[in-house]
N, C-alpha and C. Protein backbone atom coordinates (compact mmCIF):
# COMPACT_ATOMS: atom_id res chain seq x y z
N THR A 1 103.38 -62.31 -50.97
CA THR A 1 103.93 -62.72 -49.68
C THR A 1 105.13 -63.65 -49.92
N LEU A 2 106.22 -63.41 -49.24
CA LEU A 2 107.42 -64.23 -49.40
C LEU A 2 107.55 -65.15 -48.17
N SER A 3 107.78 -66.40 -48.45
CA SER A 3 107.90 -67.34 -47.33
C SER A 3 108.78 -68.52 -47.73
N GLY A 4 109.11 -69.36 -46.77
CA GLY A 4 109.80 -70.63 -47.06
C GLY A 4 111.28 -70.60 -46.69
N VAL A 5 111.96 -69.51 -46.93
CA VAL A 5 113.40 -69.43 -46.61
C VAL A 5 113.68 -68.04 -46.11
N THR A 6 114.81 -67.86 -45.46
CA THR A 6 115.23 -66.54 -45.05
C THR A 6 115.96 -65.87 -46.19
N LEU A 7 115.42 -64.74 -46.62
CA LEU A 7 115.99 -64.04 -47.77
C LEU A 7 116.90 -62.93 -47.24
N ASP A 8 118.16 -62.98 -47.61
CA ASP A 8 119.12 -61.95 -47.13
C ASP A 8 119.38 -60.90 -48.25
N ASP A 9 119.84 -59.75 -47.76
CA ASP A 9 120.17 -58.63 -48.64
C ASP A 9 118.86 -58.10 -49.26
N THR A 10 118.99 -57.19 -50.23
CA THR A 10 117.85 -56.56 -50.84
C THR A 10 117.00 -57.59 -51.64
N ILE A 11 115.71 -57.56 -51.44
CA ILE A 11 114.78 -58.40 -52.19
C ILE A 11 114.20 -57.62 -53.35
N ILE A 12 114.21 -58.18 -54.53
CA ILE A 12 113.70 -57.46 -55.74
C ILE A 12 112.66 -58.28 -56.40
N GLY A 13 111.54 -57.65 -56.80
CA GLY A 13 110.48 -58.37 -57.52
C GLY A 13 110.04 -57.61 -58.71
N TYR A 14 109.78 -58.29 -59.82
CA TYR A 14 109.26 -57.67 -61.06
C TYR A 14 108.53 -58.71 -61.87
N GLY A 15 107.72 -58.26 -62.82
CA GLY A 15 106.97 -59.21 -63.67
C GLY A 15 105.78 -59.74 -62.92
N GLY A 16 105.15 -60.68 -63.55
CA GLY A 16 104.01 -61.37 -62.89
C GLY A 16 102.70 -60.54 -62.97
N ILE A 17 101.73 -61.01 -62.20
CA ILE A 17 100.39 -60.40 -62.20
C ILE A 17 100.06 -59.74 -60.86
N ASP A 18 99.49 -58.58 -60.87
CA ASP A 18 99.00 -57.94 -59.64
C ASP A 18 97.65 -58.57 -59.31
N ILE A 19 97.63 -59.37 -58.20
CA ILE A 19 96.43 -60.10 -57.91
C ILE A 19 95.26 -59.21 -57.43
N SER A 20 95.50 -57.96 -57.12
CA SER A 20 94.37 -57.09 -56.73
C SER A 20 93.65 -56.55 -57.97
N THR A 21 94.29 -56.58 -59.14
CA THR A 21 93.68 -56.06 -60.32
C THR A 21 93.57 -57.06 -61.48
N GLY A 22 94.38 -58.13 -61.38
CA GLY A 22 94.46 -59.12 -62.49
C GLY A 22 95.33 -58.66 -63.68
N LEU A 23 96.00 -57.49 -63.52
CA LEU A 23 96.80 -56.92 -64.61
C LEU A 23 98.27 -57.22 -64.42
N ALA A 24 99.01 -57.16 -65.48
CA ALA A 24 100.46 -57.38 -65.45
C ALA A 24 101.13 -56.28 -64.65
N PHE A 25 102.10 -56.71 -63.83
CA PHE A 25 102.88 -55.74 -63.10
C PHE A 25 104.11 -55.29 -63.94
N GLU A 26 104.18 -54.01 -64.22
CA GLU A 26 105.24 -53.50 -65.13
C GLU A 26 106.33 -52.71 -64.45
N GLY A 27 106.27 -52.61 -63.11
CA GLY A 27 107.30 -51.90 -62.41
C GLY A 27 108.34 -52.81 -61.75
N ILE A 28 108.97 -52.31 -60.71
CA ILE A 28 109.94 -53.11 -59.98
C ILE A 28 109.88 -52.66 -58.51
N TYR A 29 109.79 -53.65 -57.63
CA TYR A 29 109.74 -53.41 -56.19
C TYR A 29 110.94 -53.96 -55.54
N LYS A 30 111.30 -53.34 -54.41
CA LYS A 30 112.43 -53.81 -53.61
C LYS A 30 111.95 -53.83 -52.16
N ALA A 31 112.67 -54.56 -51.30
CA ALA A 31 112.38 -54.56 -49.86
C ALA A 31 113.69 -54.91 -49.11
N PRO A 32 113.76 -54.40 -47.86
CA PRO A 32 114.95 -54.72 -47.09
C PRO A 32 115.06 -56.20 -46.71
N SER A 33 116.22 -56.63 -46.39
CA SER A 33 116.47 -58.04 -46.00
C SER A 33 115.49 -58.46 -44.91
N GLY A 34 114.92 -59.66 -45.01
CA GLY A 34 113.98 -60.21 -44.07
C GLY A 34 112.55 -59.84 -44.27
N SER A 35 112.26 -58.97 -45.28
CA SER A 35 110.89 -58.53 -45.46
C SER A 35 110.04 -59.70 -46.01
N THR A 36 108.72 -59.61 -45.77
CA THR A 36 107.80 -60.60 -46.33
C THR A 36 106.86 -60.07 -47.32
N VAL A 37 106.92 -58.74 -47.56
CA VAL A 37 106.09 -58.10 -48.64
C VAL A 37 106.95 -57.06 -49.41
N LEU A 38 106.59 -56.85 -50.66
CA LEU A 38 107.22 -55.84 -51.48
C LEU A 38 106.12 -54.87 -51.95
N ASN A 39 106.39 -53.60 -51.87
CA ASN A 39 105.47 -52.61 -52.35
C ASN A 39 106.19 -51.28 -52.60
N PRO A 40 105.53 -50.24 -53.08
CA PRO A 40 106.26 -48.97 -53.31
C PRO A 40 106.95 -48.41 -52.10
N ILE A 41 106.36 -48.57 -50.89
CA ILE A 41 107.00 -48.02 -49.73
C ILE A 41 108.20 -48.78 -49.29
N THR A 42 108.17 -50.12 -49.38
CA THR A 42 109.38 -50.88 -49.04
C THR A 42 110.47 -50.60 -50.04
N THR A 43 110.08 -50.25 -51.30
CA THR A 43 111.06 -49.84 -52.30
C THR A 43 111.76 -48.54 -51.92
N LEU A 44 110.95 -47.63 -51.41
CA LEU A 44 111.53 -46.32 -50.99
C LEU A 44 112.46 -46.53 -49.79
N LEU A 45 112.11 -47.48 -48.91
CA LEU A 45 113.00 -47.79 -47.79
C LEU A 45 114.36 -48.21 -48.27
N VAL A 46 114.41 -49.13 -49.28
CA VAL A 46 115.68 -49.59 -49.82
C VAL A 46 116.41 -48.43 -50.45
N ASN A 47 115.68 -47.59 -51.18
CA ASN A 47 116.37 -46.45 -51.83
C ASN A 47 116.93 -45.48 -50.84
N LEU A 48 116.23 -45.26 -49.72
CA LEU A 48 116.78 -44.36 -48.69
C LEU A 48 117.98 -44.99 -48.02
N MET A 49 117.92 -46.29 -47.82
CA MET A 49 119.12 -46.98 -47.26
C MET A 49 120.31 -46.95 -48.17
N SER A 50 120.03 -46.90 -49.48
CA SER A 50 121.13 -46.78 -50.50
C SER A 50 121.75 -45.38 -50.41
N GLU A 51 120.99 -44.38 -49.84
CA GLU A 51 121.50 -43.04 -49.63
C GLU A 51 122.25 -42.93 -48.32
N GLY A 52 122.36 -44.04 -47.55
CA GLY A 52 123.13 -44.04 -46.34
C GLY A 52 122.30 -44.04 -45.08
N GLU A 53 120.96 -44.01 -45.18
CA GLU A 53 120.14 -44.07 -43.99
C GLU A 53 120.03 -45.50 -43.44
N THR A 54 119.86 -45.62 -42.09
CA THR A 54 119.57 -46.85 -41.51
C THR A 54 118.12 -47.19 -41.82
N LEU A 55 117.71 -48.46 -41.62
CA LEU A 55 116.30 -48.84 -41.82
C LEU A 55 115.41 -48.07 -40.89
N THR A 56 115.85 -47.92 -39.58
CA THR A 56 115.04 -47.18 -38.64
C THR A 56 114.83 -45.71 -39.09
N ASP A 57 115.89 -45.09 -39.55
CA ASP A 57 115.83 -43.70 -40.02
C ASP A 57 115.00 -43.59 -41.25
N ALA A 58 115.14 -44.54 -42.17
CA ALA A 58 114.36 -44.56 -43.39
C ALA A 58 112.86 -44.63 -43.11
N ILE A 59 112.51 -45.48 -42.12
CA ILE A 59 111.10 -45.66 -41.77
C ILE A 59 110.57 -44.31 -41.18
N ALA A 60 111.36 -43.70 -40.33
CA ALA A 60 110.97 -42.38 -39.70
C ALA A 60 110.78 -41.31 -40.79
N ILE A 61 111.67 -41.27 -41.77
CA ILE A 61 111.56 -40.27 -42.83
C ILE A 61 110.30 -40.44 -43.62
N ILE A 62 109.97 -41.66 -43.97
CA ILE A 62 108.79 -41.93 -44.80
C ILE A 62 107.52 -41.58 -44.04
N LYS A 63 107.48 -41.99 -42.79
CA LYS A 63 106.29 -41.76 -41.93
C LYS A 63 106.10 -40.21 -41.79
N SER A 64 107.19 -39.48 -41.54
CA SER A 64 107.08 -38.03 -41.33
C SER A 64 106.77 -37.30 -42.64
N ASP A 65 107.45 -37.63 -43.70
CA ASP A 65 107.25 -36.89 -44.99
C ASP A 65 105.92 -37.20 -45.68
N LEU A 66 105.43 -38.46 -45.50
CA LEU A 66 104.19 -38.80 -46.20
C LEU A 66 102.96 -38.81 -45.27
N GLY A 67 103.17 -38.43 -43.99
CA GLY A 67 102.03 -38.25 -43.12
C GLY A 67 101.46 -39.59 -42.64
N ILE A 68 102.31 -40.61 -42.39
CA ILE A 68 101.84 -41.94 -41.98
C ILE A 68 101.91 -42.03 -40.46
N THR A 69 100.84 -42.55 -39.83
CA THR A 69 100.83 -42.70 -38.34
C THR A 69 102.00 -43.52 -37.86
N THR A 70 102.62 -43.07 -36.77
CA THR A 70 103.84 -43.67 -36.29
C THR A 70 103.62 -45.11 -35.83
N SER A 71 102.37 -45.50 -35.45
CA SER A 71 102.10 -46.86 -34.95
C SER A 71 102.00 -47.91 -36.09
N VAL A 72 101.97 -47.48 -37.34
CA VAL A 72 101.82 -48.34 -38.45
C VAL A 72 103.15 -48.99 -38.79
N ASP A 73 103.11 -50.30 -39.09
CA ASP A 73 104.29 -51.05 -39.48
C ASP A 73 104.45 -51.01 -40.98
N LEU A 74 105.46 -50.33 -41.48
CA LEU A 74 105.66 -50.17 -42.94
C LEU A 74 106.08 -51.48 -43.63
N LEU A 75 106.52 -52.43 -42.84
CA LEU A 75 106.97 -53.73 -43.43
C LEU A 75 105.89 -54.78 -43.37
N ALA A 76 104.69 -54.38 -42.85
CA ALA A 76 103.54 -55.37 -42.77
C ALA A 76 102.73 -55.28 -44.07
N ASP A 77 101.96 -56.29 -44.36
CA ASP A 77 101.03 -56.27 -45.48
C ASP A 77 99.86 -55.37 -45.08
N PRO A 78 99.71 -54.20 -45.74
CA PRO A 78 98.68 -53.24 -45.32
C PRO A 78 97.24 -53.81 -45.48
N ILE A 79 97.02 -54.61 -46.52
CA ILE A 79 95.66 -55.16 -46.73
C ILE A 79 95.32 -56.11 -45.62
N ALA A 80 96.22 -57.13 -45.43
CA ALA A 80 95.93 -58.11 -44.36
C ALA A 80 95.85 -57.44 -42.96
N SER A 81 96.70 -56.45 -42.75
CA SER A 81 96.69 -55.72 -41.43
C SER A 81 95.43 -54.99 -41.22
N ALA A 82 94.92 -54.33 -42.28
CA ALA A 82 93.62 -53.60 -42.17
C ALA A 82 92.48 -54.53 -41.89
N LEU A 83 92.42 -55.62 -42.64
CA LEU A 83 91.31 -56.53 -42.51
C LEU A 83 91.33 -57.26 -41.17
N ALA A 84 92.50 -57.32 -40.52
CA ALA A 84 92.59 -58.00 -39.27
C ALA A 84 92.47 -57.01 -38.10
N SER A 85 92.32 -55.72 -38.35
CA SER A 85 92.30 -54.71 -37.35
C SER A 85 90.86 -54.07 -37.25
N THR A 86 90.72 -53.20 -36.23
CA THR A 86 89.45 -52.47 -36.11
C THR A 86 89.80 -51.01 -35.82
N GLY A 87 88.81 -50.19 -35.92
CA GLY A 87 88.90 -48.77 -35.44
C GLY A 87 89.99 -47.95 -36.16
N THR A 88 90.68 -47.19 -35.37
CA THR A 88 91.68 -46.25 -35.93
C THR A 88 92.85 -47.00 -36.61
N LEU A 89 93.25 -48.09 -36.06
CA LEU A 89 94.39 -48.84 -36.64
C LEU A 89 94.02 -49.34 -38.00
N GLN A 90 92.77 -49.85 -38.15
CA GLN A 90 92.30 -50.32 -39.43
C GLN A 90 92.35 -49.18 -40.41
N ALA A 91 91.83 -48.03 -40.07
CA ALA A 91 91.86 -46.87 -40.93
C ALA A 91 93.24 -46.47 -41.33
N ASP A 92 94.19 -46.58 -40.36
CA ASP A 92 95.59 -46.21 -40.66
C ASP A 92 96.17 -47.17 -41.72
N TYR A 93 95.84 -48.45 -41.66
CA TYR A 93 96.43 -49.36 -42.64
C TYR A 93 95.73 -49.21 -44.01
N VAL A 94 94.44 -48.82 -44.08
CA VAL A 94 93.80 -48.51 -45.26
C VAL A 94 94.51 -47.33 -45.91
N THR A 95 94.79 -46.30 -45.06
CA THR A 95 95.53 -45.12 -45.57
C THR A 95 96.90 -45.53 -46.09
N LEU A 96 97.56 -46.42 -45.38
CA LEU A 96 98.89 -46.86 -45.87
C LEU A 96 98.79 -47.47 -47.26
N GLN A 97 97.77 -48.34 -47.51
CA GLN A 97 97.61 -48.90 -48.81
C GLN A 97 97.28 -47.83 -49.87
N MET A 98 96.46 -46.87 -49.45
CA MET A 98 96.15 -45.76 -50.41
C MET A 98 97.38 -44.99 -50.78
N ILE A 99 98.31 -44.75 -49.79
CA ILE A 99 99.53 -44.04 -50.10
C ILE A 99 100.40 -44.90 -51.01
N ASN A 100 100.48 -46.21 -50.75
CA ASN A 100 101.20 -47.12 -51.63
C ASN A 100 100.71 -47.00 -53.08
N ILE A 101 99.38 -46.98 -53.26
CA ILE A 101 98.84 -46.89 -54.60
C ILE A 101 99.09 -45.54 -55.27
N LYS A 102 99.03 -44.46 -54.45
CA LYS A 102 99.32 -43.15 -55.03
C LYS A 102 100.81 -43.08 -55.52
N ILE A 103 101.70 -43.69 -54.75
CA ILE A 103 103.12 -43.74 -55.14
C ILE A 103 103.23 -44.54 -56.36
N ASP A 104 102.61 -45.70 -56.42
CA ASP A 104 102.72 -46.58 -57.58
C ASP A 104 102.13 -45.94 -58.83
N ASN A 105 100.97 -45.31 -58.65
CA ASN A 105 100.35 -44.57 -59.77
C ASN A 105 101.23 -43.49 -60.32
N THR A 106 101.81 -42.66 -59.39
CA THR A 106 102.64 -41.57 -59.78
C THR A 106 103.87 -42.06 -60.58
N ILE A 107 104.59 -43.02 -59.97
CA ILE A 107 105.77 -43.53 -60.63
C ILE A 107 105.44 -44.26 -61.89
N GLY A 108 104.36 -45.06 -61.89
CA GLY A 108 104.02 -45.83 -63.04
C GLY A 108 103.56 -45.01 -64.21
N GLN A 109 102.81 -43.94 -63.99
CA GLN A 109 102.39 -43.10 -65.10
C GLN A 109 103.49 -42.27 -65.70
N ILE A 110 104.45 -41.83 -64.79
CA ILE A 110 105.60 -41.15 -65.32
C ILE A 110 106.50 -42.08 -66.15
N ALA A 111 106.68 -43.33 -65.60
CA ALA A 111 107.46 -44.32 -66.32
C ALA A 111 106.88 -44.64 -67.69
N ALA A 112 105.53 -44.79 -67.75
CA ALA A 112 104.89 -45.09 -69.00
C ALA A 112 105.01 -43.99 -69.99
N ALA A 113 104.98 -42.73 -69.50
CA ALA A 113 105.12 -41.59 -70.39
C ALA A 113 106.59 -41.52 -70.93
N LEU A 114 107.51 -41.80 -70.08
CA LEU A 114 108.91 -41.78 -70.57
C LEU A 114 109.17 -42.90 -71.55
N ASP A 115 108.53 -44.01 -71.35
CA ASP A 115 108.59 -45.11 -72.33
C ASP A 115 107.99 -44.66 -73.66
N GLY A 116 106.81 -44.08 -73.58
CA GLY A 116 106.14 -43.62 -74.80
C GLY A 116 106.90 -42.54 -75.54
N ALA A 117 107.70 -41.74 -74.82
CA ALA A 117 108.49 -40.68 -75.40
C ALA A 117 109.82 -41.19 -75.91
N GLY A 118 110.10 -42.48 -75.69
CA GLY A 118 111.37 -43.08 -76.18
C GLY A 118 112.58 -42.70 -75.30
N ILE A 119 112.35 -42.22 -74.07
CA ILE A 119 113.42 -41.81 -73.19
C ILE A 119 114.00 -43.02 -72.44
N SER A 120 113.18 -44.00 -72.09
CA SER A 120 113.62 -45.14 -71.31
C SER A 120 112.61 -46.24 -71.44
N THR A 121 112.98 -47.49 -71.12
CA THR A 121 112.04 -48.54 -71.00
C THR A 121 111.27 -48.30 -69.67
N GLU A 122 110.11 -48.83 -69.58
CA GLU A 122 109.24 -48.54 -68.39
C GLU A 122 109.85 -49.07 -67.09
N ILE A 123 110.42 -50.27 -67.12
CA ILE A 123 110.94 -50.85 -65.86
C ILE A 123 112.14 -50.11 -65.39
N ILE A 124 113.03 -49.67 -66.29
CA ILE A 124 114.22 -48.85 -65.90
C ILE A 124 113.77 -47.54 -65.36
N ALA A 125 112.83 -46.92 -66.09
CA ALA A 125 112.32 -45.58 -65.63
C ALA A 125 111.68 -45.71 -64.24
N TYR A 126 110.91 -46.76 -64.01
CA TYR A 126 110.25 -46.98 -62.70
C TYR A 126 111.31 -46.97 -61.59
N ASP A 127 112.40 -47.72 -61.82
CA ASP A 127 113.45 -47.82 -60.76
C ASP A 127 114.05 -46.48 -60.54
N VAL A 128 114.35 -45.68 -61.60
CA VAL A 128 114.99 -44.39 -61.48
C VAL A 128 114.05 -43.39 -60.78
N ILE A 129 112.80 -43.38 -61.16
CA ILE A 129 111.84 -42.45 -60.57
C ILE A 129 111.65 -42.71 -59.08
N SER A 130 111.60 -43.95 -58.68
CA SER A 130 111.49 -44.31 -57.27
C SER A 130 112.70 -43.80 -56.52
N ALA A 131 113.89 -43.96 -57.09
CA ALA A 131 115.07 -43.44 -56.45
C ALA A 131 115.06 -41.92 -56.33
N GLU A 132 114.58 -41.23 -57.37
CA GLU A 132 114.49 -39.81 -57.31
C GLU A 132 113.48 -39.33 -56.28
N LEU A 133 112.39 -40.10 -56.12
CA LEU A 133 111.38 -39.79 -55.07
C LEU A 133 112.01 -39.94 -53.70
N ALA A 134 112.83 -40.92 -53.52
CA ALA A 134 113.48 -41.09 -52.21
C ALA A 134 114.42 -39.92 -51.94
N SER A 135 115.13 -39.43 -52.95
CA SER A 135 115.99 -38.29 -52.80
C SER A 135 115.20 -37.04 -52.37
N MET A 136 113.98 -36.90 -52.95
CA MET A 136 113.14 -35.78 -52.55
C MET A 136 112.71 -35.90 -51.10
N LEU A 137 112.39 -37.10 -50.68
CA LEU A 137 111.95 -37.40 -49.27
C LEU A 137 113.03 -37.08 -48.33
N LEU A 138 114.32 -37.28 -48.71
CA LEU A 138 115.45 -36.92 -47.85
C LEU A 138 115.43 -35.41 -47.60
N ALA A 139 114.99 -34.62 -48.54
CA ALA A 139 115.00 -33.17 -48.46
C ALA A 139 113.82 -32.59 -47.72
N GLY A 140 112.77 -33.45 -47.50
CA GLY A 140 111.63 -32.94 -46.77
C GLY A 140 110.32 -33.57 -47.24
N ASP A 141 109.20 -32.96 -46.82
CA ASP A 141 107.86 -33.50 -47.15
C ASP A 141 107.62 -33.50 -48.64
N VAL A 142 106.91 -34.51 -49.13
CA VAL A 142 106.56 -34.62 -50.57
C VAL A 142 105.06 -34.84 -50.66
N ASP A 143 104.39 -34.04 -51.47
CA ASP A 143 102.92 -34.18 -51.67
C ASP A 143 102.65 -34.61 -53.09
N LEU A 144 102.16 -35.81 -53.26
CA LEU A 144 101.90 -36.34 -54.59
C LEU A 144 100.63 -35.78 -55.17
N SER A 145 99.99 -34.86 -54.44
CA SER A 145 98.82 -34.16 -55.00
C SER A 145 99.18 -32.67 -55.22
N ASP A 146 100.47 -32.40 -55.34
CA ASP A 146 100.93 -31.04 -55.57
C ASP A 146 101.66 -30.97 -56.88
N SER A 147 101.25 -30.06 -57.75
CA SER A 147 101.80 -29.99 -59.10
C SER A 147 103.32 -29.64 -59.04
N ALA A 148 103.72 -28.81 -58.12
CA ALA A 148 105.15 -28.41 -58.04
C ALA A 148 106.01 -29.68 -57.75
N ASP A 149 105.60 -30.44 -56.77
CA ASP A 149 106.35 -31.63 -56.43
C ASP A 149 106.39 -32.64 -57.56
N LEU A 150 105.28 -32.77 -58.28
CA LEU A 150 105.22 -33.71 -59.42
C LEU A 150 106.13 -33.19 -60.51
N ASN A 151 106.12 -31.92 -60.79
CA ASN A 151 107.01 -31.34 -61.82
C ASN A 151 108.52 -31.59 -61.47
N THR A 152 108.83 -31.44 -60.16
CA THR A 152 110.21 -31.67 -59.70
C THR A 152 110.58 -33.10 -59.90
N LEU A 153 109.71 -34.04 -59.57
CA LEU A 153 109.99 -35.48 -59.70
C LEU A 153 110.15 -35.86 -61.19
N ILE A 154 109.32 -35.32 -62.07
CA ILE A 154 109.43 -35.63 -63.45
C ILE A 154 110.76 -35.06 -64.04
N SER A 155 111.05 -33.82 -63.73
CA SER A 155 112.22 -33.17 -64.27
C SER A 155 113.51 -33.88 -63.75
N ASN A 156 113.52 -34.17 -62.46
CA ASN A 156 114.73 -34.87 -61.94
C ASN A 156 114.89 -36.24 -62.56
N SER A 157 113.81 -36.93 -62.81
CA SER A 157 113.89 -38.27 -63.35
C SER A 157 114.28 -38.29 -64.80
N THR A 158 113.75 -37.34 -65.58
CA THR A 158 114.14 -37.27 -67.00
C THR A 158 115.58 -36.80 -67.17
N THR A 159 116.04 -35.96 -66.29
CA THR A 159 117.46 -35.55 -66.29
C THR A 159 118.37 -36.75 -65.99
N ALA A 160 117.92 -37.52 -64.99
CA ALA A 160 118.77 -38.68 -64.60
C ALA A 160 118.82 -39.73 -65.74
N LEU A 161 117.77 -39.75 -66.53
CA LEU A 161 117.70 -40.70 -67.64
C LEU A 161 118.25 -40.12 -68.96
N GLY A 162 118.68 -38.87 -68.91
CA GLY A 162 119.31 -38.23 -70.07
C GLY A 162 118.34 -37.80 -71.15
N GLY A 163 117.12 -37.43 -70.73
CA GLY A 163 116.12 -36.98 -71.70
C GLY A 163 115.23 -35.89 -71.14
N ALA A 164 114.19 -35.55 -71.82
CA ALA A 164 113.26 -34.51 -71.40
C ALA A 164 111.95 -34.65 -72.12
N LEU A 165 110.89 -34.33 -71.42
CA LEU A 165 109.55 -34.24 -72.10
C LEU A 165 109.35 -32.81 -72.52
N THR A 166 108.51 -32.62 -73.55
CA THR A 166 108.13 -31.26 -73.94
C THR A 166 107.37 -30.66 -72.81
N SER A 167 107.35 -29.34 -72.74
CA SER A 167 106.58 -28.65 -71.63
C SER A 167 105.13 -29.01 -71.71
N THR A 168 104.58 -29.13 -72.88
CA THR A 168 103.13 -29.49 -73.00
C THR A 168 102.91 -30.93 -72.51
N ALA A 169 103.79 -31.83 -72.91
CA ALA A 169 103.62 -33.22 -72.46
C ALA A 169 103.74 -33.34 -70.96
N GLN A 170 104.71 -32.64 -70.40
CA GLN A 170 104.87 -32.68 -68.95
C GLN A 170 103.68 -32.09 -68.20
N ALA A 171 103.19 -30.95 -68.71
CA ALA A 171 102.01 -30.38 -68.06
C ALA A 171 100.80 -31.35 -68.15
N ASP A 172 100.62 -31.99 -69.25
CA ASP A 172 99.51 -32.94 -69.42
C ASP A 172 99.70 -34.10 -68.47
N LEU A 173 100.95 -34.62 -68.32
CA LEU A 173 101.24 -35.69 -67.47
C LEU A 173 100.93 -35.35 -66.04
N VAL A 174 101.35 -34.19 -65.64
CA VAL A 174 101.07 -33.73 -64.20
C VAL A 174 99.53 -33.69 -63.96
N SER A 175 98.81 -33.19 -64.95
CA SER A 175 97.36 -33.10 -64.81
C SER A 175 96.74 -34.50 -64.68
N ILE A 176 97.20 -35.44 -65.51
CA ILE A 176 96.70 -36.80 -65.41
C ILE A 176 96.97 -37.39 -64.02
N ILE A 177 98.20 -37.28 -63.55
CA ILE A 177 98.57 -37.82 -62.25
C ILE A 177 97.76 -37.19 -61.13
N LEU A 178 97.61 -35.84 -61.16
CA LEU A 178 96.85 -35.15 -60.13
C LEU A 178 95.41 -35.67 -60.08
N ASN A 179 94.82 -35.79 -61.27
CA ASN A 179 93.42 -36.27 -61.34
C ASN A 179 93.27 -37.69 -60.76
N THR A 180 94.22 -38.54 -61.18
CA THR A 180 94.10 -39.94 -60.72
C THR A 180 94.37 -40.04 -59.21
N ASN A 181 95.35 -39.31 -58.71
CA ASN A 181 95.63 -39.35 -57.27
C ASN A 181 94.46 -38.81 -56.45
N THR A 182 93.75 -37.82 -56.99
CA THR A 182 92.56 -37.31 -56.30
C THR A 182 91.53 -38.39 -56.20
N VAL A 183 91.28 -39.12 -57.27
CA VAL A 183 90.31 -40.18 -57.24
C VAL A 183 90.73 -41.32 -56.30
N ILE A 184 92.05 -41.61 -56.22
CA ILE A 184 92.54 -42.62 -55.31
C ILE A 184 92.21 -42.19 -53.85
N THR A 185 92.43 -40.94 -53.50
CA THR A 185 92.11 -40.41 -52.16
C THR A 185 90.63 -40.50 -51.91
N ASP A 186 89.83 -40.08 -52.89
CA ASP A 186 88.39 -40.04 -52.73
C ASP A 186 87.81 -41.47 -52.55
N SER A 187 88.45 -42.44 -53.22
CA SER A 187 87.94 -43.80 -53.16
C SER A 187 87.97 -44.36 -51.76
N VAL A 188 88.92 -43.90 -50.92
CA VAL A 188 89.02 -44.33 -49.52
C VAL A 188 88.07 -43.56 -48.67
N THR A 189 87.96 -42.22 -48.87
CA THR A 189 87.19 -41.35 -47.97
C THR A 189 85.66 -41.55 -48.18
N THR A 190 85.28 -42.10 -49.29
CA THR A 190 83.83 -42.27 -49.60
C THR A 190 83.32 -43.70 -49.35
N THR A 191 84.17 -44.56 -48.76
CA THR A 191 83.76 -45.92 -48.46
C THR A 191 83.65 -46.11 -46.95
N SER A 192 82.88 -47.09 -46.51
CA SER A 192 82.63 -47.24 -45.09
C SER A 192 83.32 -48.42 -44.44
N THR A 193 83.87 -49.38 -45.24
CA THR A 193 84.59 -50.51 -44.65
C THR A 193 85.96 -50.63 -45.40
N ALA A 194 86.83 -51.40 -44.70
CA ALA A 194 88.19 -51.62 -45.36
C ALA A 194 88.06 -52.35 -46.66
N LEU A 195 87.19 -53.39 -46.69
CA LEU A 195 87.04 -54.15 -47.90
C LEU A 195 86.50 -53.33 -49.03
N GLU A 196 85.51 -52.48 -48.74
CA GLU A 196 85.01 -51.55 -49.79
C GLU A 196 86.09 -50.62 -50.28
N ALA A 197 86.92 -50.17 -49.38
CA ALA A 197 87.98 -49.25 -49.78
C ALA A 197 88.97 -49.93 -50.72
N PHE A 198 89.32 -51.16 -50.36
CA PHE A 198 90.33 -51.91 -51.23
C PHE A 198 89.68 -52.23 -52.58
N GLU A 199 88.37 -52.52 -52.62
CA GLU A 199 87.70 -52.80 -53.90
C GLU A 199 87.69 -51.53 -54.73
N ALA A 200 87.41 -50.42 -54.10
CA ALA A 200 87.38 -49.11 -54.80
C ALA A 200 88.77 -48.76 -55.34
N LEU A 201 89.81 -49.00 -54.54
CA LEU A 201 91.17 -48.70 -54.93
C LEU A 201 91.58 -49.57 -56.12
N ALA A 202 91.16 -50.85 -56.11
CA ALA A 202 91.51 -51.74 -57.23
C ALA A 202 90.89 -51.26 -58.54
N LYS A 203 89.66 -50.74 -58.42
CA LYS A 203 88.96 -50.20 -59.62
C LYS A 203 89.73 -49.02 -60.21
N VAL A 204 90.21 -48.14 -59.30
CA VAL A 204 90.97 -46.96 -59.78
C VAL A 204 92.27 -47.43 -60.42
N GLN A 205 92.91 -48.44 -59.80
CA GLN A 205 94.19 -48.98 -60.37
C GLN A 205 93.95 -49.54 -61.81
N ILE A 206 92.82 -50.22 -62.04
CA ILE A 206 92.53 -50.71 -63.33
C ILE A 206 92.38 -49.61 -64.33
N ALA A 207 91.65 -48.57 -63.93
CA ALA A 207 91.47 -47.38 -64.81
C ALA A 207 92.77 -46.70 -65.07
N ALA A 208 93.59 -46.58 -64.03
CA ALA A 208 94.88 -45.92 -64.19
C ALA A 208 95.81 -46.70 -65.14
N GLU A 209 95.71 -48.06 -65.08
CA GLU A 209 96.52 -48.86 -66.00
C GLU A 209 96.13 -48.65 -67.48
N GLU A 210 94.84 -48.36 -67.69
CA GLU A 210 94.42 -48.05 -69.06
C GLU A 210 95.06 -46.74 -69.55
N VAL A 211 95.16 -45.82 -68.60
CA VAL A 211 95.86 -44.52 -68.92
C VAL A 211 97.31 -44.80 -69.22
N GLU A 212 97.94 -45.63 -68.38
CA GLU A 212 99.36 -45.97 -68.61
C GLU A 212 99.55 -46.58 -70.00
N ASN A 213 98.64 -47.41 -70.41
CA ASN A 213 98.76 -48.05 -71.75
C ASN A 213 98.76 -46.97 -72.82
N GLU A 214 97.89 -45.99 -72.67
CA GLU A 214 97.84 -44.89 -73.64
C GLU A 214 99.18 -44.07 -73.60
N LEU A 215 99.67 -43.82 -72.41
CA LEU A 215 100.92 -43.10 -72.30
C LEU A 215 102.09 -43.84 -72.94
N GLU A 216 102.09 -45.17 -72.77
CA GLU A 216 103.11 -46.03 -73.44
C GLU A 216 103.09 -45.91 -74.97
N GLU A 217 101.84 -45.62 -75.48
CA GLU A 217 101.74 -45.46 -76.91
C GLU A 217 102.12 -44.09 -77.40
N GLY A 218 102.55 -43.22 -76.46
CA GLY A 218 102.98 -41.89 -76.80
C GLY A 218 101.87 -40.84 -76.86
């Protein structure tokens, strides 16, 4: 949470510890001017605005393409919002956090693999992959549980970074991401309260980070 002063222009955050898992944060987040939280979705908003979209249009694109309920505030803290809400709205914010984590897992595991392959450092790759994902969102719906969309994201990102994974490595990476994203979805649908959902999601994030560490090792 950002507080204390009015922050103008794009807000950027990197380094430090993810307090939901206790693990080091190895990516990079951005948020529009005036934001109080940074996460994968606020980062996509900034990337879409860099493509010429207004903030209002960027919000509409993300909600439409990723299947997020229109009443949800993308610039709010999804965890705090869910815990302070009830009923359908609470479920919508749990879903928002689940989508944030699926985006982070997808980008993070690709970035780790590109690091391990010597194509890029993880933090630079994370930034590029997020930008490529925003470009795909401009073109239409994106399903992070679809192998074709994941292959497109990986190929576009490696091309932008001037490298390429072997076909076997890319196929394995897609399989890893699909499996992890499936568990992320299941962790929300098999829990009965918002707090249980967030605890389950954190456990998946910790396991996914172990996979990322292996990918970084090549």
